[in-house]
Amino acid sequence: MNYRSTAEFKPPFRVYPTVEEVGPYMVDVIVKLRADFPSTNNAANVTLTLPLPKATVKASCSLGPAANGQSVEYRESHRQCVWYVYHTRSVRTPHPRQRRRRNQHSA
């Protein structure tokens, strides 16, 4: 994402990468994407491109079992994994509690 802003800005998505060295020549990269906008909004056709190092010989990309409406592919010629999210809703954040004062009647 590229954004220019003259004021404070909160991006609509947050990316959480985790890198784990599995062996001397193998690395597991786990990427979590969180939609961080109001639950009344939706996002469609989101693409996340993960470039891989030039030294990459082989790669496999997979999604978790709860990845409905998503797909992933490895583009060997470009050395990148591309994650497609076709439709998503925001993470629901709890609304603050509202306190209402009741009118007190005098006896």
PDB file of N, CA and C in Angstrom:
ATOM      1  N   MET A   1       0.838  -1.173   0.000  1.00  0.00           N
ATOM      2  CA  MET A   1       0.000   0.000   0.000  1.00  0.00           C
ATOM      3  C   MET A   1       0.884   1.238   0.000  1.00  0.00           C
ATOM      4  N   ASN A   2       0.504   2.172  -0.756  1.00  0.00           N
ATOM      5  CA  ASN A   2       1.156   3.467  -0.751  1.00  0.00           C
ATOM      6  C   ASN A   2       0.122   4.511  -0.378  1.00  0.00           C
ATOM      7  N   TYR A   3       0.451   5.298   0.628  1.00  0.00           N
ATOM      8  CA  TYR A   3      -0.447   6.357   1.056  1.00  0.00           C
ATOM      9  C   TYR A   3       0.349   7.623   1.296  1.00  0.00           C
ATOM     10  N   ARG A   4      -0.248   8.721   0.983  1.00  0.00           N
ATOM     11  CA  ARG A   4       0.286  10.024   1.365  1.00  0.00           C
ATOM     12  C   ARG A   4      -0.793  10.715   2.162  1.00  0.00           C
ATOM     13  N   SER A   5      -0.381  11.261   3.264  1.00  0.00           N
ATOM     14  CA  SER A   5      -1.361  11.899   4.132  1.00  0.00           C
ATOM     15  C   SER A   5      -0.732  13.119   4.778  1.00  0.00           C
ATOM     16  N   THR A   6      -1.528  14.157   4.900  1.00  0.00           N
ATOM     17  CA  THR A   6      -1.056  15.367   5.571  1.00  0.00           C
ATOM     18  C   THR A   6      -1.536  15.414   7.011  1.00  0.00           C
ATOM     19  N   ALA A   7      -2.294  14.419   7.384  1.00  0.00           N
ATOM     20  CA  ALA A   7      -2.809  14.344   8.749  1.00  0.00           C
ATOM     21  C   ALA A   7      -2.568  12.935   9.288  1.00  0.00           C
ATOM     22  N   GLU A   8      -2.919  12.722  10.547  1.00  0.00           N
ATOM     23  CA  GLU A   8      -2.774  11.403  11.142  1.00  0.00           C
ATOM     24  C   GLU A   8      -3.599  10.398  10.348  1.00  0.00           C
ATOM     25  N   PHE A   9      -3.023   9.223  10.146  1.00  0.00           N
ATOM     26  CA  PHE A   9      -3.653   8.238   9.269  1.00  0.00           C
ATOM     27  C   PHE A   9      -3.578   6.854   9.901  1.00  0.00           C
ATOM     28  N   LYS A  10      -4.668   6.125   9.817  1.00  0.00           N
ATOM     29  CA  LYS A  10      -4.708   4.751  10.301  1.00  0.00           C
ATOM     30  C   LYS A  10      -4.974   3.849   9.097  1.00  0.00           C
ATOM     31  N   PRO A  11      -4.008   2.990   8.721  1.00  0.00           N
ATOM     32  CA  PRO A  11      -4.205   2.146   7.544  1.00  0.00           C
ATOM     33  C   PRO A  11      -5.333   1.139   7.755  1.00  0.00           C
ATOM     34  N   PRO A  12      -6.012   0.736   6.673  1.00  0.00           N
ATOM     35  CA  PRO A  12      -7.151  -0.181   6.804  1.00  0.00           C
ATOM     36  C   PRO A  12      -6.762  -1.619   7.133  1.00  0.00           C
ATOM     37  N   PHE A  13      -5.506  -1.995   6.895  1.00  0.00           N
ATOM     38  CA  PHE A  13      -5.048  -3.352   7.179  1.00  0.00           C
ATOM     39  C   PHE A  13      -3.744  -3.309   7.978  1.00  0.00           C
ATOM     40  N   ARG A  14      -3.550  -4.349   8.786  1.00  0.00           N
ATOM     41  CA  ARG A  14      -2.293  -4.530   9.498  1.00  0.00           C
ATOM     42  C   ARG A  14      -1.742  -5.898   9.113  1.00  0.00           C
ATOM     43  N   VAL A  15      -0.442  -5.947   8.856  1.00  0.00           N
ATOM     44  CA  VAL A  15       0.220  -7.180   8.451  1.00  0.00           C
ATOM     45  C   VAL A  15       1.125  -7.621   9.595  1.00  0.00           C
ATOM     46  N   TYR A  16       0.972  -8.889   9.998  1.00  0.00           N
ATOM     47  CA  TYR A  16       1.762  -9.464  11.075  1.00  0.00           C
ATOM     48  C   TYR A  16       2.588 -10.636  10.537  1.00  0.00           C
ATOM     49  N   PRO A  17       3.868 -10.403  10.205  1.00  0.00           N
ATOM     50  CA  PRO A  17       4.706 -11.513   9.711  1.00  0.00           C
ATOM     51  C   PRO A  17       5.447 -12.206  10.852  1.00  0.00           C
ATOM     52  N   THR A  18       5.623 -13.508  10.721  1.00  0.00           N
ATOM     53  CA  THR A  18       6.432 -14.302  11.645  1.00  0.00           C
ATOM     54  C   THR A  18       7.387 -15.140  10.805  1.00  0.00           C
ATOM     55  N   VAL A  19       8.669 -15.066  11.128  1.00  0.00           N
ATOM     56  CA  VAL A  19       9.680 -15.820  10.385  1.00  0.00           C
ATOM     57  C   VAL A  19      10.327 -16.814  11.337  1.00  0.00           C
ATOM     58  N   GLU A  20      10.346 -18.085  10.906  1.00  0.00           N
ATOM     59  CA  GLU A  20      10.928 -19.146  11.731  1.00  0.00           C
ATOM     60  C   GLU A  20      11.919 -19.937  10.886  1.00  0.00           C
ATOM     61  N   GLU A  21      13.147 -20.044  11.360  1.00  0.00           N
ATOM     62  CA  GLU A  21      14.162 -20.809  10.648  1.00  0.00           C
ATOM     63  C   GLU A  21      13.964 -22.283  10.967  1.00  0.00           C
ATOM     64  N   VAL A  22      13.594 -23.071   9.963  1.00  0.00           N
ATOM     65  CA  VAL A  22      13.295 -24.490  10.125  1.00  0.00           C
ATOM     66  C   VAL A  22      14.559 -25.338   9.991  1.00  0.00           C
ATOM     67  N   GLY A  23      15.446 -24.937   9.135  1.00  0.00           N
ATOM     68  CA  GLY A  23      16.691 -25.666   8.910  1.00  0.00           C
ATOM     69  C   GLY A  23      17.735 -24.706   8.369  1.00  0.00           C
ATOM     70  N   PRO A  24      18.922 -25.231   8.012  1.00  0.00           N
ATOM     71  CA  PRO A  24      19.976 -24.330   7.545  1.00  0.00           C
ATOM     72  C   PRO A  24      19.637 -23.625   6.225  1.00  0.00           C
ATOM     73  N   TYR A  25      18.765 -24.229   5.402  1.00  0.00           N
ATOM     74  CA  TYR A  25      18.413 -23.632   4.118  1.00  0.00           C
ATOM     75  C   TYR A  25      16.903 -23.495   3.940  1.00  0.00           C
ATOM     76  N   MET A  26      16.173 -23.482   5.052  1.00  0.00           N
ATOM     77  CA  MET A  26      14.719 -23.428   4.959  1.00  0.00           C
ATOM     78  C   MET A  26      14.149 -22.480   6.003  1.00  0.00           C
ATOM     79  N   VAL A  27      13.184 -21.673   5.571  1.00  0.00           N
ATOM     80  CA  VAL A  27      12.543 -20.703   6.443  1.00  0.00           C
ATOM     81  C   VAL A  27      11.035 -20.802   6.250  1.00  0.00           C
ATOM     82  N   ASP A  28      10.283 -20.787   7.346  1.00  0.00           N
ATOM     83  CA  ASP A  28       8.819 -20.682   7.297  1.00  0.00           C
ATOM     84  C   ASP A  28       8.438 -19.242   7.574  1.00  0.00           C
ATOM     85  N   VAL A  29       7.600 -18.698   6.726  1.00  0.00           N
ATOM     86  CA  VAL A  29       7.096 -17.343   6.911  1.00  0.00           C
ATOM     87  C   VAL A  29       5.587 -17.442   7.056  1.00  0.00           C
ATOM     88  N   ILE A  30       5.079 -16.964   8.171  1.00  0.00           N
ATOM     89  CA  ILE A  30       3.634 -16.958   8.422  1.00  0.00           C
ATOM     90  C   ILE A  30       3.192 -15.505   8.423  1.00  0.00           C
ATOM     91  N   VAL A  31       2.198 -15.208   7.608  1.00  0.00           N
ATOM     92  CA  VAL A  31       1.707 -13.843   7.485  1.00  0.00           C
ATOM     93  C   VAL A  31       0.241 -13.820   7.871  1.00  0.00           C
ATOM     94  N   LYS A  32      -0.094 -12.936   8.797  1.00  0.00           N
ATOM     95  CA  LYS A  32      -1.487 -12.727   9.185  1.00  0.00           C
ATOM     96  C   LYS A  32      -1.877 -11.323   8.765  1.00  0.00           C
ATOM     97  N   LEU A  33      -3.060 -11.204   8.203  1.00  0.00           N
ATOM     98  CA  LEU A  33      -3.581  -9.930   7.740  1.00  0.00           C
ATOM     99  C   LEU A  33      -4.824  -9.606   8.545  1.00  0.00           C
ATOM    100  N   ARG A  34      -4.854  -8.429   9.129  1.00  0.00           N
ATOM    101  CA  ARG A  34      -6.004  -8.032   9.943  1.00  0.00           C
ATOM    102  C   ARG A  34      -6.659  -6.804   9.332  1.00  0.00           C
ATOM    103  N   ALA A  35      -7.948  -6.920   9.058  1.00  0.00           N
ATOM    104  CA  ALA A  35      -8.717  -5.774   8.583  1.00  0.00           C
ATOM    105  C   ALA A  35      -9.022  -4.900   9.797  1.00  0.00           C
ATOM    106  N   ASP A  36      -8.622  -3.652   9.719  1.00  0.00           N
ATOM    107  CA  ASP A  36      -8.726  -2.760  10.871  1.00  0.00           C
ATOM    108  C   ASP A  36      -9.544  -1.520  10.511  1.00  0.00           C
ATOM    109  N   PHE A  37     -10.774  -1.764  10.072  1.00  0.00           N
ATOM    110  CA  PHE A  37     -11.680  -0.660   9.756  1.00  0.00           C
ATOM    111  C   PHE A  37     -13.039  -0.985  10.353  1.00  0.00           C
ATOM    112  N   PRO A  38     -13.976  -0.048  10.353  1.00  0.00           N
ATOM    113  CA  PRO A  38     -15.273  -0.292  10.997  1.00  0.00           C
ATOM    114  C   PRO A  38     -15.973  -1.538  10.458  1.00  0.00           C
ATOM    115  N   SER A  39     -16.668  -2.238  11.342  1.00  0.00           N
ATOM    116  CA  SER A  39     -17.322  -3.495  10.955  1.00  0.00           C
ATOM    117  C   SER A  39     -18.458  -3.285   9.962  1.00  0.00           C
ATOM    118  N   THR A  40     -18.854  -2.057   9.750  1.00  0.00           N
ATOM    119  CA  THR A  40     -19.895  -1.776   8.757  1.00  0.00           C
ATOM    120  C   THR A  40     -19.318  -1.746   7.340  1.00  0.00           C
ATOM    121  N   ASN A  41     -18.003  -1.710   7.212  1.00  0.00           N
ATOM    122  CA  ASN A  41     -17.344  -1.685   5.903  1.00  0.00           C
ATOM    123  C   ASN A  41     -16.871  -3.080   5.513  1.00  0.00           C
ATOM    124  N   ASN A  42     -16.685  -3.277   4.211  1.00  0.00           N
ATOM    125  CA  ASN A  42     -16.162  -4.524   3.668  1.00  0.00           C
ATOM    126  C   ASN A  42     -15.019  -4.206   2.723  1.00  0.00           C
ATOM    127  N   ALA A  43     -14.196  -5.194   2.443  1.00  0.00           N
ATOM    128  CA  ALA A  43     -13.142  -5.049   1.446  1.00  0.00           C
ATOM    129  C   ALA A  43     -13.278  -6.182   0.448  1.00  0.00           C
ATOM    130  N   ALA A  44     -13.041  -5.886  -0.804  1.00  0.00           N
ATOM    131  CA  ALA A  44     -13.137  -6.905  -1.852  1.00  0.00           C
ATOM    132  C   ALA A  44     -11.885  -6.846  -2.716  1.00  0.00           C
ATOM    133  N   ASN A  45     -11.458  -8.016  -3.182  1.00  0.00           N
ATOM    134  CA  ASN A  45     -10.327  -8.143  -4.104  1.00  0.00           C
ATOM    135  C   ASN A  45      -9.037  -7.529  -3.554  1.00  0.00           C
ATOM    136  N   VAL A  46      -8.691  -7.906  -2.354  1.00  0.00           N
ATOM    137  CA  VAL A  46      -7.444  -7.468  -1.731  1.00  0.00           C
ATOM    138  C   VAL A  46      -6.338  -8.427  -2.164  1.00  0.00           C
ATOM    139  N   THR A  47      -5.198  -7.896  -2.566  1.00  0.00           N
ATOM    140  CA  THR A  47      -4.060  -8.710  -2.980  1.00  0.00           C
ATOM    141  C   THR A  47      -2.855  -8.345  -2.130  1.00  0.00           C
ATOM    142  N   LEU A  48      -2.233  -9.346  -1.547  1.00  0.00           N
ATOM    143  CA  LEU A  48      -1.021  -9.160  -0.757  1.00  0.00           C
ATOM    144  C   LEU A  48       0.102  -9.904  -1.478  1.00  0.00           C
ATOM    145  N   THR A  49       1.127  -9.183  -1.903  1.00  0.00           N
ATOM    146  CA  THR A  49       2.247  -9.767  -2.630  1.00  0.00           C
ATOM    147  C   THR A  49       3.448  -9.867  -1.705  1.00  0.00           C
ATOM    148  N   LEU A  50       3.988 -11.081  -1.583  1.00  0.00           N
ATOM    149  CA  LEU A  50       5.139 -11.331  -0.725  1.00  0.00           C
ATOM    150  C   LEU A  50       6.347 -11.649  -1.594  1.00  0.00           C
ATOM    151  N   PRO A  51       7.254 -10.686  -1.787  1.00  0.00           N
ATOM    152  CA  PRO A  51       8.441 -10.976  -2.581  1.00  0.00           C
ATOM    153  C   PRO A  51       9.387 -11.898  -1.824  1.00  0.00           C
ATOM    154  N   LEU A  52      10.034 -12.789  -2.543  1.00  0.00           N
ATOM    155  CA  LEU A  52      10.972 -13.740  -1.944  1.00  0.00           C
ATOM    156  C   LEU A  52      12.394 -13.389  -2.385  1.00  0.00           C
ATOM    157  N   PRO A  53      13.403 -13.762  -1.592  1.00  0.00           N
ATOM    158  CA  PRO A  53      14.791 -13.450  -1.956  1.00  0.00           C
ATOM    159  C   PRO A  53      15.205 -14.092  -3.280  1.00  0.00           C
ATOM    160  N   LYS A  54      16.191 -13.486  -3.938  1.00  0.00           N
ATOM    161  CA  LYS A  54      16.692 -14.017  -5.220  1.00  0.00           C
ATOM    162  C   LYS A  54      17.263 -15.416  -5.069  1.00  0.00           C
ATOM    163  N   ALA A  55      17.755 -15.749  -3.890  1.00  0.00           N
ATOM    164  CA  ALA A  55      18.354 -17.066  -3.650  1.00  0.00           C
ATOM    165  C   ALA A  55      17.317 -18.165  -3.455  1.00  0.00           C
ATOM    166  N   THR A  56      16.027 -17.833  -3.538  1.00  0.00           N
ATOM    167  CA  THR A  56      14.971 -18.832  -3.353  1.00  0.00           C
ATOM    168  C   THR A  56      15.010 -19.852  -4.489  1.00  0.00           C
ATOM    169  N   VAL A  57      15.109 -21.122  -4.115  1.00  0.00           N
ATOM    170  CA  VAL A  57      15.148 -22.202  -5.092  1.00  0.00           C
ATOM    171  C   VAL A  57      13.756 -22.781  -5.289  1.00  0.00           C
ATOM    172  N   LYS A  58      13.028 -22.954  -4.193  1.00  0.00           N
ATOM    173  CA  LYS A  58      11.702 -23.553  -4.236  1.00  0.00           C
ATOM    174  C   LYS A  58      10.865 -22.934  -3.126  1.00  0.00           C
ATOM    175  N   ALA A  59       9.577 -22.805  -3.365  1.00  0.00           N
ATOM    176  CA  ALA A  59       8.684 -22.260  -2.342  1.00  0.00           C
ATOM    177  C   ALA A  59       7.313 -22.896  -2.488  1.00  0.00           C
ATOM    178  N   SER A  60       6.608 -22.975  -1.401  1.00  0.00           N
ATOM    179  CA  SER A  60       5.220 -23.423  -1.432  1.00  0.00           C
ATOM    180  C   SER A  60       4.420 -22.454  -0.565  1.00  0.00           C
ATOM    181  N   CYS A  61       3.235 -22.175  -1.001  1.00  0.00           N
ATOM    182  CA  CYS A  61       2.360 -21.248  -0.285  1.00  0.00           C
ATOM    183  C   CYS A  61       1.074 -21.989   0.048  1.00  0.00           C
ATOM    184  N   SER A  62       0.575 -21.786   1.247  1.00  0.00           N
ATOM    185  CA  SER A  62      -0.674 -22.443   1.641  1.00  0.00           C
ATOM    186  C   SER A  62      -1.454 -21.531   2.571  1.00  0.00           C
ATOM    187  N   LEU A  63      -2.744 -21.827   2.687  1.00  0.00           N
ATOM    188  CA  LEU A  63      -3.638 -21.074   3.559  1.00  0.00           C
ATOM    189  C   LEU A  63      -4.146 -21.974   4.674  1.00  0.00           C
ATOM    190  N   GLY A  64      -4.537 -21.369   5.775  1.00  0.00           N
ATOM    191  CA  GLY A  64      -5.109 -22.119   6.885  1.00  0.00           C
ATOM    192  C   GLY A  64      -6.488 -22.642   6.542  1.00  0.00           C
ATOM    193  N   PRO A  65      -7.038 -23.553   7.370  1.00  0.00           N
ATOM    194  CA  PRO A  65      -8.333 -24.162   7.074  1.00  0.00           C
ATOM    195  C   PRO A  65      -9.504 -23.181   7.104  1.00  0.00           C
ATOM    196  N   ALA A  66      -9.362 -22.050   7.783  1.00  0.00           N
ATOM    197  CA  ALA A  66     -10.463 -21.088   7.883  1.00  0.00           C
ATOM    198  C   ALA A  66     -10.390 -20.020   6.795  1.00  0.00           C
ATOM    199  N   ALA A  67      -9.610 -20.228   5.764  1.00  0.00           N
ATOM    200  CA  ALA A  67      -9.399 -19.216   4.727  1.00  0.00           C
ATOM    201  C   ALA A  67     -10.446 -19.315   3.626  1.00  0.00           C
ATOM    202  N   ASN A  68     -11.686 -19.095   3.965  1.00  0.00           N
ATOM    203  CA  ASN A  68     -12.767 -19.121   2.978  1.00  0.00           C
ATOM    204  C   ASN A  68     -12.716 -17.847   2.136  1.00  0.00           C
ATOM    205  N   GLY A  69     -12.962 -17.976   0.832  1.00  0.00           N
ATOM    206  CA  GLY A  69     -12.954 -16.818  -0.054  1.00  0.00           C
ATOM    207  C   GLY A  69     -11.560 -16.268  -0.295  1.00  0.00           C
ATOM    208  N   GLN A  70     -10.546 -17.123  -0.178  1.00  0.00           N
ATOM    209  CA  GLN A  70      -9.159 -16.696  -0.363  1.00  0.00           C
ATOM    210  C   GLN A  70      -8.418 -17.740  -1.189  1.00  0.00           C
ATOM    211  N   SER A  71      -7.363 -17.299  -1.838  1.00  0.00           N
ATOM    212  CA  SER A  71      -6.479 -18.233  -2.535  1.00  0.00           C
ATOM    213  C   SER A  71      -5.069 -17.667  -2.504  1.00  0.00           C
ATOM    214  N   VAL A  72      -4.104 -18.540  -2.785  1.00  0.00           N
ATOM    215  CA  VAL A  72      -2.700 -18.135  -2.791  1.00  0.00           C
ATOM    216  C   VAL A  72      -1.999 -18.880  -3.920  1.00  0.00           C
ATOM    217  N   GLU A  73      -1.034 -18.223  -4.545  1.00  0.00           N
ATOM    218  CA  GLU A  73      -0.265 -18.870  -5.596  1.00  0.00           C
ATOM    219  C   GLU A  73       1.193 -18.427  -5.507  1.00  0.00           C
ATOM    220  N   TYR A  74       2.082 -19.318  -5.953  1.00  0.00           N
ATOM    221  CA  TYR A  74       3.507 -19.002  -6.024  1.00  0.00           C
ATOM    222  C   TYR A  74       3.840 -18.702  -7.474  1.00  0.00           C
ATOM    223  N   ARG A  75       4.357 -17.501  -7.718  1.00  0.00           N
ATOM    224  CA  ARG A  75       4.777 -17.105  -9.060  1.00  0.00           C
ATOM    225  C   ARG A  75       6.293 -17.280  -9.146  1.00  0.00           C
ATOM    226  N   GLU A  76       6.697 -18.402  -9.704  1.00  0.00           N
ATOM    227  CA  GLU A  76       8.125 -18.743  -9.730  1.00  0.00           C
ATOM    228  C   GLU A  76       8.927 -17.742 -10.559  1.00  0.00           C
ATOM    229  N   SER A  77       8.386 -17.297 -11.682  1.00  0.00           N
ATOM    230  CA  SER A  77       9.127 -16.377 -12.550  1.00  0.00           C
ATOM    231  C   SER A  77       9.375 -15.022 -11.882  1.00  0.00           C
ATOM    232  N   HIS A  78       8.499 -14.633 -10.973  1.00  0.00           N
ATOM    233  CA  HIS A  78       8.643 -13.354 -10.263  1.00  0.00           C
ATOM    234  C   HIS A  78       9.188 -13.539  -8.844  1.00  0.00           C
ATOM    235  N   ARG A  79       9.310 -14.794  -8.415  1.00  0.00           N
ATOM    236  CA  ARG A  79       9.748 -15.137  -7.047  1.00  0.00           C
ATOM    237  C   ARG A  79       8.893 -14.418  -6.007  1.00  0.00           C
ATOM    238  N   GLN A  80       7.614 -14.705  -6.060  1.00  0.00           N
ATOM    239  CA  GLN A  80       6.700 -14.094  -5.100  1.00  0.00           C
ATOM    240  C   GLN A  80       5.494 -14.983  -4.845  1.00  0.00           C
ATOM    241  N   CYS A  81       4.982 -14.891  -3.610  1.00  0.00           N
ATOM    242  CA  CYS A  81       3.705 -15.509  -3.273  1.00  0.00           C
ATOM    243  C   CYS A  81       2.664 -14.403  -3.327  1.00  0.00           C
ATOM    244  N   VAL A  82       1.543 -14.703  -3.934  1.00  0.00           N
ATOM    245  CA  VAL A  82       0.472 -13.717  -4.041  1.00  0.00           C
ATOM    246  C   VAL A  82      -0.757 -14.281  -3.351  1.00  0.00           C
ATOM    247  N   TRP A  83      -1.260 -13.535  -2.389  1.00  0.00           N
ATOM    248  CA  TRP A  83      -2.405 -13.929  -1.573  1.00  0.00           C
ATOM    249  C   TRP A  83      -3.593 -13.077  -1.991  1.00  0.00           C
ATOM    250  N   TYR A  84      -4.665 -13.732  -2.399  1.00  0.00           N
ATOM    251  CA  TYR A  84      -5.878 -13.042  -2.823  1.00  0.00           C
ATOM    252  C   TYR A  84      -6.957 -13.226  -1.765  1.00  0.00           C
ATOM    253  N   VAL A  85      -7.532 -12.129  -1.328  1.00  0.00           N
ATOM    254  CA  VAL A  85      -8.666 -12.159  -0.407  1.00  0.00           C
ATOM    255  C   VAL A  85      -9.817 -11.535  -1.184  1.00  0.00           C
ATOM    256  N   TYR A  86     -10.796 -12.350  -1.544  1.00  0.00           N
ATOM    257  CA  TYR A  86     -11.860 -11.885  -2.417  1.00  0.00           C
ATOM    258  C   TYR A  86     -12.913 -11.055  -1.691  1.00  0.00           C
ATOM    259  N   HIS A  87     -13.117 -11.335  -0.426  1.00  0.00           N
ATOM    260  CA  HIS A  87     -14.111 -10.573   0.335  1.00  0.00           C
ATOM    261  C   HIS A  87     -13.787 -10.723   1.819  1.00  0.00           C
ATOM    262  N   THR A  88     -13.767  -9.633   2.530  1.00  0.00           N
ATOM    263  CA  THR A  88     -13.497  -9.698   3.962  1.00  0.00           C
ATOM    264  C   THR A  88     -14.298  -8.643   4.701  1.00  0.00           C
ATOM    265  N   ARG A  89     -14.566  -8.947   5.942  1.00  0.00           N
ATOM    266  CA  ARG A  89     -15.180  -7.981   6.849  1.00  0.00           C
ATOM    267  C   ARG A  89     -14.146  -7.609   7.889  1.00  0.00           C
ATOM    268  N   SER A  90     -14.335  -6.494   8.501  1.00  0.00           N
ATOM    269  CA  SER A  90     -13.398  -6.031   9.517  1.00  0.00           C
ATOM    270  C   SER A  90     -13.495  -6.879  10.771  1.00  0.00           C
ATOM    271  N   VAL A  91     -12.423  -6.833  11.557  1.00  0.00           N
ATOM    272  CA  VAL A  91     -12.432  -7.447  12.875  1.00  0.00           C
ATOM    273  C   VAL A  91     -13.351  -6.594  13.735  1.00  0.00           C
ATOM    274  N   ARG A  92     -14.284  -7.227  14.374  1.00  0.00           N
ATOM    275  CA  ARG A  92     -15.228  -6.456  15.191  1.00  0.00           C
ATOM    276  C   ARG A  92     -14.597  -6.101  16.520  1.00  0.00           C
ATOM    277  N   THR A  93     -14.570  -4.835  16.776  1.00  0.00           N
ATOM    278  CA  THR A  93     -14.056  -4.385  18.056  1.00  0.00           C
ATOM    279  C   THR A  93     -15.243  -4.025  18.941  1.00  0.00           C
ATOM    280  N   PRO A  94     -15.168  -4.333  20.216  1.00  0.00           N
ATOM    281  CA  PRO A  94     -16.304  -4.038  21.077  1.00  0.00           C
ATOM    282  C   PRO A  94     -16.535  -2.544  21.182  1.00  0.00           C
ATOM    283  N   HIS A  95     -17.788  -2.189  21.165  1.00  0.00           N
ATOM    284  CA  HIS A  95     -18.152  -0.785  21.329  1.00  0.00           C
ATOM    285  C   HIS A  95     -18.028  -0.415  22.796  1.00  0.00           C
ATOM    286  N   PRO A  96     -17.663   0.826  23.081  1.00  0.00           N
ATOM    287  CA  PRO A  96     -17.609   1.229  24.485  1.00  0.00           C
ATOM    288  C   PRO A  96     -18.998   1.197  25.100  1.00  0.00           C
ATOM    289  N   ARG A  97     -19.036   0.890  26.349  1.00  0.00           N
ATOM    290  CA  ARG A  97     -20.331   0.859  27.028  1.00  0.00           C
ATOM    291  C   ARG A  97     -20.888   2.262  27.141  1.00  0.00           C
ATOM    292  N   GLN A  98     -22.158   2.339  26.941  1.00  0.00           N
ATOM    293  CA  GLN A  98     -22.819   3.630  27.084  1.00  0.00           C
ATOM    294  C   GLN A  98     -23.610   3.630  28.381  1.00  0.00           C
ATOM    295  N   ARG A  99     -23.404   4.659  29.137  1.00  0.00           N
ATOM    296  CA  ARG A  99     -24.147   4.774  30.385  1.00  0.00           C
ATOM    297  C   ARG A  99     -25.223   5.826  30.200  1.00  0.00           C
ATOM    298  N   ARG A 100     -26.387   5.464  30.607  1.00  0.00           N
ATOM    299  CA  ARG A 100     -27.495   6.415  30.524  1.00  0.00           C
ATOM    300  C   ARG A 100     -27.969   6.732  31.929  1.00  0.00           C
ATOM    301  N   ARG A 101     -28.172   7.971  32.166  1.00  0.00           N
ATOM    302  CA  ARG A 101     -28.699   8.368  33.465  1.00  0.00           C
ATOM    303  C   ARG A 101     -30.212   8.349  33.424  1.00  0.00           C
ATOM    304  N   ARG A 102     -30.753   7.832  34.442  1.00  0.00           N
ATOM    305  CA  ARG A 102     -32.212   7.845  34.559  1.00  0.00           C
ATOM    306  C   ARG A 102     -32.618   9.079  35.336  1.00  0.00           C
ATOM    307  N   ASN A 103     -33.726   9.617  34.922  1.00  0.00           N
ATOM    308  CA  ASN A 103     -34.262  10.767  35.678  1.00  0.00           C
ATOM    309  C   ASN A 103     -34.726  10.288  37.026  1.00  0.00           C
ATOM    310  N   GLN A 104     -34.284  10.963  38.066  1.00  0.00           N
ATOM    311  CA  GLN A 104     -34.711  10.597  39.395  1.00  0.00           C
ATOM    312  C   GLN A 104     -35.930  11.424  39.760  1.00  0.00           C
ATOM    313  N   HIS A 105     -36.951  10.747  40.152  1.00  0.00           N
ATOM    314  CA  HIS A 105     -38.185  11.449  40.541  1.00  0.00           C
ATOM    315  C   HIS A 105     -38.159  11.697  42.027  1.00  0.00           C
ATOM    316  N   SER A 106     -38.527  12.900  42.405  1.00  0.00           N
ATOM    317  CA  SER A 106     -38.601  13.175  43.851  1.00  0.00           C
ATOM    318  C   SER A 106     -39.958  12.734  44.370  1.00  0.00           C
ATOM    319  N   ALA A 107     -39.971  12.223  45.552  1.00  0.00           N
ATOM    320  CA  ALA A 107     -41.200  11.695  46.132  1.00  0.00           C
ATOM    321  C   ALA A 107     -42.003  12.759  46.794  1.00  0.00           C
TER     322      ALA A 107
END
